[in-house]
Amino acid sequence: MALRRGLGIAMALLLCALLSACSTGKALRVETPSPRPTSTPAPVKEQAPSHEDYAVWETPFGPAEIRSLLLNTDLSGLRADGADPMEIHEYLSTCARCVISLPSHEAGGERFQVYSVSTTGDSYSFASFVVRNDSGTPRIVLAVGGSDIYLSSGDDGSLVAQEAIYEPQDAVCCPSGWSVRLFRFQDGRFIEGDRFKSPVDYADSGGEDQ
C-alpha cells in the first residue's frame, strides 16, 4: 500500500536522522541494540514521485535490465532470514513489472541505483538491491530480503534497510514495529553496522493506516 510504504520510508529517514549525531565516520560494527523510545513520530506526508524522479532513478539501468540481472544472479547471499532466493527468482520469472526503482543513493562520491522486488497488488517489497555502474555494466553490491523491506539513504552516506515486524495478530496494513539496519560504503563495499528495532504507536501517529 502506498500509505504504508510512505510511512515506512518516513520512519526510516527520521530514525536515521536521530542516529547521525552519533556518527564517527569510522566503520560500523554490529552491536547489541540499546533501548529505544516506545512511540514513533507522526508520519510526514511526502509528495508522490514524479515521472522525472523515476527517469533519474532508472538511469542508467532500467527495471527490465535489473530484472534480467536478478534472474541471472545467485542470490544465496541475501542478508535476511526467511528470504528464499529461489522464490524471488520464481516470482521474477512470471512478473515483468515487479522490479521497482527507488531513490538513488550516493556514497563516497559514487551514485548507486536502488531497486526493490514488490508484489503488484499492494507494493509489498520482499527484497531490495543496490546496483553499481561497473564500467557500463550493472552489478549488485548489496541485497537484503525480508517483510516489506526497503532501502533508503540516511545521513553521512549511510544506507538504511528497514523491515516491517509482524506479530501473529497484526493486519497487513499495520506492523507492530520496524527492524532497522544501517550500512556504510567503505573500501568498495557496503558494511553492515548498527541495528535496532522500533515499535509503532498508532495512537501517537493519529491512528492512520489502521
C-alpha atoms as a PDB file:
ATOM      1  CA  MET A   1       0.000   0.000   0.000  1.00  0.00           C
ATOM      2  CA  ALA A   2       1.275   3.447  -0.860  1.00  0.00           C
ATOM      3  CA  LEU A   3       0.424   4.826   2.575  1.00  0.00           C
ATOM      4  CA  ARG A   4       2.196   2.002   4.385  1.00  0.00           C
ATOM      5  CA  ARG A   5       5.221   2.381   2.133  1.00  0.00           C
ATOM      6  CA  GLY A   6       5.253   6.170   2.734  1.00  0.00           C
ATOM      7  CA  LEU A   7       5.057   5.623   6.492  1.00  0.00           C
ATOM      8  CA  GLY A   8       7.925   3.120   6.348  1.00  0.00           C
ATOM      9  CA  ILE A   9      10.240   5.389   4.338  1.00  0.00           C
ATOM     10  CA  ALA A  10       9.415   8.444   6.515  1.00  0.00           C
ATOM     11  CA  MET A  11      10.161   6.450   9.680  1.00  0.00           C
ATOM     12  CA  ALA A  12      13.484   5.259   8.312  1.00  0.00           C
ATOM     13  CA  LEU A  13      14.561   8.806   7.487  1.00  0.00           C
ATOM     14  CA  LEU A  14      13.523  10.087  10.931  1.00  0.00           C
ATOM     15  CA  LEU A  15      15.336   7.253  12.722  1.00  0.00           C
ATOM     16  CA  CYS A  16      18.444   7.757  10.651  1.00  0.00           C
ATOM     17  CA  ALA A  17      18.453  11.485  11.450  1.00  0.00           C
ATOM     18  CA  LEU A  18      18.488  10.670  15.151  1.00  0.00           C
ATOM     19  CA  LEU A  19      21.498   8.390  14.671  1.00  0.00           C
ATOM     20  CA  SER A  20      23.511  10.850  12.585  1.00  0.00           C
ATOM     21  CA  ALA A  21      24.548  12.841  15.641  1.00  0.00           C
ATOM     22  CA  CYS A  22      26.451   9.814  16.902  1.00  0.00           C
ATOM     23  CA  SER A  23      28.246   9.073  13.652  1.00  0.00           C
ATOM     24  CA  THR A  24      32.037   8.850  13.843  1.00  0.00           C
ATOM     25  CA  GLY A  25      32.805   8.268  10.168  1.00  0.00           C
ATOM     26  CA  LYS A  26      34.554   5.013  11.094  1.00  0.00           C
ATOM     27  CA  ALA A  27      33.496   1.545  10.014  1.00  0.00           C
ATOM     28  CA  LEU A  28      30.396   0.455  11.855  1.00  0.00           C
ATOM     29  CA  ARG A  29      30.126  -2.760  13.797  1.00  0.00           C
ATOM     30  CA  VAL A  30      27.100  -4.763  14.844  1.00  0.00           C
ATOM     31  CA  GLU A  31      26.205  -4.037  18.440  1.00  0.00           C
ATOM     32  CA  THR A  32      23.538  -5.099  20.892  1.00  0.00           C
ATOM     33  CA  PRO A  33      20.522  -2.833  20.369  1.00  0.00           C
ATOM     34  CA  SER A  34      20.077  -0.185  23.042  1.00  0.00           C
ATOM     35  CA  PRO A  35      16.635   0.732  24.435  1.00  0.00           C
ATOM     36  CA  ARG A  36      14.594   2.880  22.062  1.00  0.00           C
ATOM     37  CA  PRO A  37      11.536   5.085  22.557  1.00  0.00           C
ATOM     38  CA  THR A  38       8.253   3.205  22.581  1.00  0.00           C
ATOM     39  CA  SER A  39       6.495   5.696  20.320  1.00  0.00           C
ATOM     40  CA  THR A  40       7.029   6.796  16.750  1.00  0.00           C
ATOM     41  CA  PRO A  41       6.635  10.389  15.488  1.00  0.00           C
ATOM     42  CA  ALA A  42       3.659  11.100  13.255  1.00  0.00           C
ATOM     43  CA  PRO A  43       4.336  10.239   9.620  1.00  0.00           C
ATOM     44  CA  VAL A  44       5.360  13.001   7.269  1.00  0.00           C
ATOM     45  CA  LYS A  45       3.187  13.338   4.197  1.00  0.00           C
ATOM     46  CA  GLU A  46       5.515  13.149   1.214  1.00  0.00           C
ATOM     47  CA  GLN A  47       4.804  14.255  -2.309  1.00  0.00           C
ATOM     48  CA  ALA A  48       4.383  11.378  -4.738  1.00  0.00           C
ATOM     49  CA  PRO A  49       7.399  10.837  -7.023  1.00  0.00           C
ATOM     50  CA  SER A  50       7.086  12.447 -10.443  1.00  0.00           C
ATOM     51  CA  HIS A  51       7.886  10.957 -13.836  1.00  0.00           C
ATOM     52  CA  GLU A  52      11.088  12.988 -13.752  1.00  0.00           C
ATOM     53  CA  ASP A  53      12.081  11.340 -10.452  1.00  0.00           C
ATOM     54  CA  TYR A  54      11.629   7.860 -11.888  1.00  0.00           C
ATOM     55  CA  ALA A  55      13.528   8.852 -15.033  1.00  0.00           C
ATOM     56  CA  VAL A  56      16.534   9.751 -12.848  1.00  0.00           C
ATOM     57  CA  TRP A  57      16.248   6.691 -10.616  1.00  0.00           C
ATOM     58  CA  GLU A  58      16.063   4.367 -13.634  1.00  0.00           C
ATOM     59  CA  THR A  59      19.224   5.784 -15.239  1.00  0.00           C
ATOM     60  CA  PRO A  60      21.462   4.236 -16.472  1.00  0.00           C
ATOM     61  CA  PHE A  61      19.859   0.828 -15.804  1.00  0.00           C
ATOM     62  CA  GLY A  62      16.101   0.405 -16.082  1.00  0.00           C
ATOM     63  CA  PRO A  63      13.789  -2.129 -14.414  1.00  0.00           C
ATOM     64  CA  ALA A  64      13.969  -4.571 -17.342  1.00  0.00           C
ATOM     65  CA  GLU A  65      17.776  -4.687 -17.147  1.00  0.00           C
ATOM     66  CA  ILE A  66      17.721  -5.151 -13.372  1.00  0.00           C
ATOM     67  CA  ARG A  67      15.122  -7.922 -13.656  1.00  0.00           C
ATOM     68  CA  SER A  68      17.322  -9.727 -16.181  1.00  0.00           C
ATOM     69  CA  LEU A  69      20.328  -9.234 -13.910  1.00  0.00           C
ATOM     70  CA  LEU A  70      18.487 -10.685 -10.902  1.00  0.00           C
ATOM     71  CA  LEU A  71      17.247 -13.670 -12.877  1.00  0.00           C
ATOM     72  CA  ASN A  72      20.829 -14.465 -13.818  1.00  0.00           C
ATOM     73  CA  THR A  73      22.395 -13.808 -10.401  1.00  0.00           C
ATOM     74  CA  ASP A  74      22.943 -16.178  -7.494  1.00  0.00           C
ATOM     75  CA  LEU A  75      21.048 -14.549  -4.612  1.00  0.00           C
ATOM     76  CA  SER A  76      22.030 -17.120  -1.996  1.00  0.00           C
ATOM     77  CA  GLY A  77      23.951 -14.431  -0.093  1.00  0.00           C
ATOM     78  CA  LEU A  78      20.799 -12.422   0.624  1.00  0.00           C
ATOM     79  CA  ARG A  79      21.194 -10.703   4.023  1.00  0.00           C
ATOM     80  CA  ALA A  80      17.984 -11.837   5.722  1.00  0.00           C
ATOM     81  CA  ASP A  81      16.485 -14.848   7.437  1.00  0.00           C
ATOM     82  CA  GLY A  82      13.463 -16.275   5.668  1.00  0.00           C
ATOM     83  CA  ALA A  83      14.255 -14.754   2.259  1.00  0.00           C
ATOM     84  CA  ASP A  84      14.230 -17.583  -0.269  1.00  0.00           C
ATOM     85  CA  PRO A  85      16.329 -16.780  -3.377  1.00  0.00           C
ATOM     86  CA  MET A  86      14.505 -19.490  -5.354  1.00  0.00           C
ATOM     87  CA  GLU A  87      11.145 -17.880  -4.612  1.00  0.00           C
ATOM     88  CA  ILE A  88      12.473 -14.493  -5.720  1.00  0.00           C
ATOM     89  CA  HIS A  89      13.699 -15.989  -8.980  1.00  0.00           C
ATOM     90  CA  GLU A  90      10.376 -17.784  -9.499  1.00  0.00           C
ATOM     91  CA  TYR A  91       8.389 -14.616  -8.842  1.00  0.00           C
ATOM     92  CA  LEU A  92      10.516 -12.553 -11.213  1.00  0.00           C
ATOM     93  CA  SER A  93      10.252 -15.175 -13.938  1.00  0.00           C
ATOM     94  CA  THR A  94       6.465 -14.702 -14.060  1.00  0.00           C
ATOM     95  CA  CYS A  95       6.213 -10.980 -13.277  1.00  0.00           C
ATOM     96  CA  ALA A  96       7.747  -8.448 -15.649  1.00  0.00           C
ATOM     97  CA  ARG A  97       6.633  -5.361 -13.688  1.00  0.00           C
ATOM     98  CA  CYS A  98       7.674  -6.291 -10.165  1.00  0.00           C
ATOM     99  CA  VAL A  99      11.068  -4.571 -10.133  1.00  0.00           C
ATOM    100  CA  ILE A 100      10.501  -1.052  -8.767  1.00  0.00           C
ATOM    101  CA  SER A 101      13.020   1.791  -8.739  1.00  0.00           C
ATOM    102  CA  LEU A 102      13.645   3.721  -5.516  1.00  0.00           C
ATOM    103  CA  PRO A 103      15.577   6.956  -4.857  1.00  0.00           C
ATOM    104  CA  SER A 104      19.258   6.619  -5.719  1.00  0.00           C
ATOM    105  CA  HIS A 105      21.934   6.507  -3.025  1.00  0.00           C
ATOM    106  CA  GLU A 106      25.196   8.440  -3.070  1.00  0.00           C
ATOM    107  CA  ALA A 107      28.257   7.420  -1.064  1.00  0.00           C
ATOM    108  CA  GLY A 108      31.977   8.001  -1.488  1.00  0.00           C
ATOM    109  CA  GLY A 109      31.368  10.280  -4.456  1.00  0.00           C
ATOM    110  CA  GLU A 110      29.559   7.471  -6.291  1.00  0.00           C
ATOM    111  CA  ARG A 111      25.903   7.103  -7.230  1.00  0.00           C
ATOM    112  CA  PHE A 112      24.143   3.762  -6.714  1.00  0.00           C
ATOM    113  CA  GLN A 113      20.753   2.734  -8.015  1.00  0.00           C
ATOM    114  CA  VAL A 114      18.274   1.137  -5.622  1.00  0.00           C
ATOM    115  CA  TYR A 115      15.563  -1.329  -6.647  1.00  0.00           C
ATOM    116  CA  SER A 116      13.006  -3.455  -4.840  1.00  0.00           C
ATOM    117  CA  VAL A 117      11.095  -6.563  -5.843  1.00  0.00           C
ATOM    118  CA  SER A 118       7.480  -5.903  -4.925  1.00  0.00           C
ATOM    119  CA  THR A 119       4.087  -7.511  -5.365  1.00  0.00           C
ATOM    120  CA  THR A 120       1.903  -5.855  -7.987  1.00  0.00           C
ATOM    121  CA  GLY A 121      -1.236  -5.697  -5.856  1.00  0.00           C
ATOM    122  CA  ASP A 122      -0.077  -3.749  -2.815  1.00  0.00           C
ATOM    123  CA  SER A 123       3.601  -2.884  -3.454  1.00  0.00           C
ATOM    124  CA  TYR A 124       4.746  -5.263  -0.708  1.00  0.00           C
ATOM    125  CA  SER A 125       8.525  -5.411  -1.023  1.00  0.00           C
ATOM    126  CA  PHE A 126      10.274  -8.654  -0.065  1.00  0.00           C
ATOM    127  CA  ALA A 127      13.751  -7.866  -1.429  1.00  0.00           C
ATOM    128  CA  SER A 128      15.782  -4.733  -2.172  1.00  0.00           C
ATOM    129  CA  PHE A 129      19.028  -4.308  -4.080  1.00  0.00           C
ATOM    130  CA  VAL A 130      21.785  -1.752  -4.556  1.00  0.00           C
ATOM    131  CA  VAL A 131      23.227  -1.640  -8.068  1.00  0.00           C
ATOM    132  CA  ARG A 132      26.586  -0.234  -9.087  1.00  0.00           C
ATOM    133  CA  ASN A 133      27.556   1.006 -12.550  1.00  0.00           C
ATOM    134  CA  ASP A 134      30.652  -1.075 -13.238  1.00  0.00           C
ATOM    135  CA  SER A 135      32.021   0.448 -16.462  1.00  0.00           C
ATOM    136  CA  GLY A 136      28.615   0.325 -18.131  1.00  0.00           C
ATOM    137  CA  THR A 137      27.546  -2.999 -16.626  1.00  0.00           C
ATOM    138  CA  PRO A 138      25.095  -3.284 -13.677  1.00  0.00           C
ATOM    139  CA  ARG A 139      26.474  -5.124 -10.655  1.00  0.00           C
ATOM    140  CA  ILE A 140      24.657  -5.933  -7.413  1.00  0.00           C
ATOM    141  CA  VAL A 141      26.672  -4.726  -4.414  1.00  0.00           C
ATOM    142  CA  LEU A 142      24.055  -5.238  -1.689  1.00  0.00           C
ATOM    143  CA  ALA A 143      20.982  -7.466  -1.442  1.00  0.00           C
ATOM    144  CA  VAL A 144      18.581  -7.598   1.502  1.00  0.00           C
ATOM    145  CA  GLY A 145      15.363  -9.527   1.938  1.00  0.00           C
ATOM    146  CA  GLY A 146      12.540  -9.542   4.444  1.00  0.00           C
ATOM    147  CA  SER A 147       8.981  -8.428   5.243  1.00  0.00           C
ATOM    148  CA  ASP A 148       8.085  -5.197   3.443  1.00  0.00           C
ATOM    149  CA  ILE A 149      11.735  -4.214   3.298  1.00  0.00           C
ATOM    150  CA  TYR A 150      13.081  -1.036   1.720  1.00  0.00           C
ATOM    151  CA  LEU A 151      16.448   0.647   1.333  1.00  0.00           C
ATOM    152  CA  SER A 152      16.780   4.410   1.687  1.00  0.00           C
ATOM    153  CA  SER A 153      19.553   6.962   2.160  1.00  0.00           C
ATOM    154  CA  GLY A 154      20.386   8.220   5.626  1.00  0.00           C
ATOM    155  CA  ASP A 155      22.754  10.906   6.838  1.00  0.00           C
ATOM    156  CA  ASP A 156      26.533  10.899   6.402  1.00  0.00           C
ATOM    157  CA  GLY A 157      26.429   8.459   3.486  1.00  0.00           C
ATOM    158  CA  SER A 158      24.691   5.691   5.435  1.00  0.00           C
ATOM    159  CA  LEU A 159      22.142   3.362   3.862  1.00  0.00           C
ATOM    160  CA  VAL A 160      19.095   2.278   5.859  1.00  0.00           C
ATOM    161  CA  ALA A 161      17.434  -1.116   5.450  1.00  0.00           C
ATOM    162  CA  GLN A 162      14.015  -1.033   7.092  1.00  0.00           C
ATOM    163  CA  GLU A 163      11.893  -4.144   7.554  1.00  0.00           C
ATOM    164  CA  ALA A 164       8.385  -4.454   8.992  1.00  0.00           C
ATOM    165  CA  ILE A 165       7.890  -6.593  12.096  1.00  0.00           C
ATOM    166  CA  TYR A 166       4.609  -8.507  12.104  1.00  0.00           C
ATOM    167  CA  GLU A 167       3.137 -10.218  15.141  1.00  0.00           C
ATOM    168  CA  PRO A 168       0.587 -13.035  14.576  1.00  0.00           C
ATOM    169  CA  GLN A 169      -2.315 -10.680  15.309  1.00  0.00           C
ATOM    170  CA  ASP A 170      -1.119  -7.854  13.038  1.00  0.00           C
ATOM    171  CA  ALA A 171      -3.080  -6.855   9.961  1.00  0.00           C
ATOM    172  CA  VAL A 172      -1.089  -6.465   6.745  1.00  0.00           C
ATOM    173  CA  CYS A 173      -1.524  -2.695   6.915  1.00  0.00           C
ATOM    174  CA  CYS A 174      -0.226  -2.299  10.429  1.00  0.00           C
ATOM    175  CA  PRO A 175       3.011  -3.975  11.584  1.00  0.00           C
ATOM    176  CA  SER A 176       3.913  -3.888  15.268  1.00  0.00           C
ATOM    177  CA  GLY A 177       7.240  -2.221  14.552  1.00  0.00           C
ATOM    178  CA  TRP A 178      10.273  -1.881  12.352  1.00  0.00           C
ATOM    179  CA  SER A 179      13.678  -3.507  12.287  1.00  0.00           C
ATOM    180  CA  VAL A 180      16.370  -1.138  11.064  1.00  0.00           C
ATOM    181  CA  ARG A 181      19.876  -1.974   9.858  1.00  0.00           C
ATOM    182  CA  LEU A 182      22.480   0.572   8.838  1.00  0.00           C
ATOM    183  CA  PHE A 183      25.086   0.051   6.125  1.00  0.00           C
ATOM    184  CA  ARG A 184      28.078   2.197   5.244  1.00  0.00           C
ATOM    185  CA  PHE A 185      30.047   2.100   1.997  1.00  0.00           C
ATOM    186  CA  GLN A 186      33.723   1.519   2.716  1.00  0.00           C
ATOM    187  CA  ASP A 187      36.612   0.034   0.753  1.00  0.00           C
ATOM    188  CA  GLY A 188      34.378  -0.646  -2.229  1.00  0.00           C
ATOM    189  CA  ARG A 189      31.578  -2.453  -0.398  1.00  0.00           C
ATOM    190  CA  PHE A 190      28.665  -1.904   1.969  1.00  0.00           C
ATOM    191  CA  ILE A 191      29.458  -2.885   5.557  1.00  0.00           C
ATOM    192  CA  GLU A 192      26.619  -3.655   7.958  1.00  0.00           C
ATOM    193  CA  GLY A 193      26.663  -1.707  11.199  1.00  0.00           C
ATOM    194  CA  ASP A 194      24.163  -0.853  13.928  1.00  0.00           C
ATOM    195  CA  ARG A 195      20.748  -2.431  14.043  1.00  0.00           C
ATOM    196  CA  PHE A 196      17.762  -1.872  16.291  1.00  0.00           C
ATOM    197  CA  LYS A 197      14.003  -2.292  16.492  1.00  0.00           C
ATOM    198  CA  SER A 198      11.387   0.387  16.953  1.00  0.00           C
ATOM    199  CA  PRO A 199       7.728  -0.298  17.820  1.00  0.00           C
ATOM    200  CA  VAL A 200       4.900   1.677  16.218  1.00  0.00           C
ATOM    201  CA  ASP A 201       2.460   3.598  18.390  1.00  0.00           C
ATOM    202  CA  TYR A 202      -0.516   4.198  16.106  1.00  0.00           C
ATOM    203  CA  ALA A 203      -2.220   6.339  18.756  1.00  0.00           C
ATOM    204  CA  ASP A 204       0.632   8.865  18.584  1.00  0.00           C
ATOM    205  CA  SER A 205       0.568   8.820  14.773  1.00  0.00           C
ATOM    206  CA  GLY A 206      -3.075   9.784  14.657  1.00  0.00           C
ATOM    207  CA  GLY A 207      -4.366   6.258  14.183  1.00  0.00           C
ATOM    208  CA  GLU A 208      -3.559   6.237  10.477  1.00  0.00           C
ATOM    209  CA  ASP A 209      -3.355   3.039   8.452  1.00  0.00           C
ATOM    210  CA  GLN A 210      -5.469   1.058  10.887  1.00  0.00           C
END
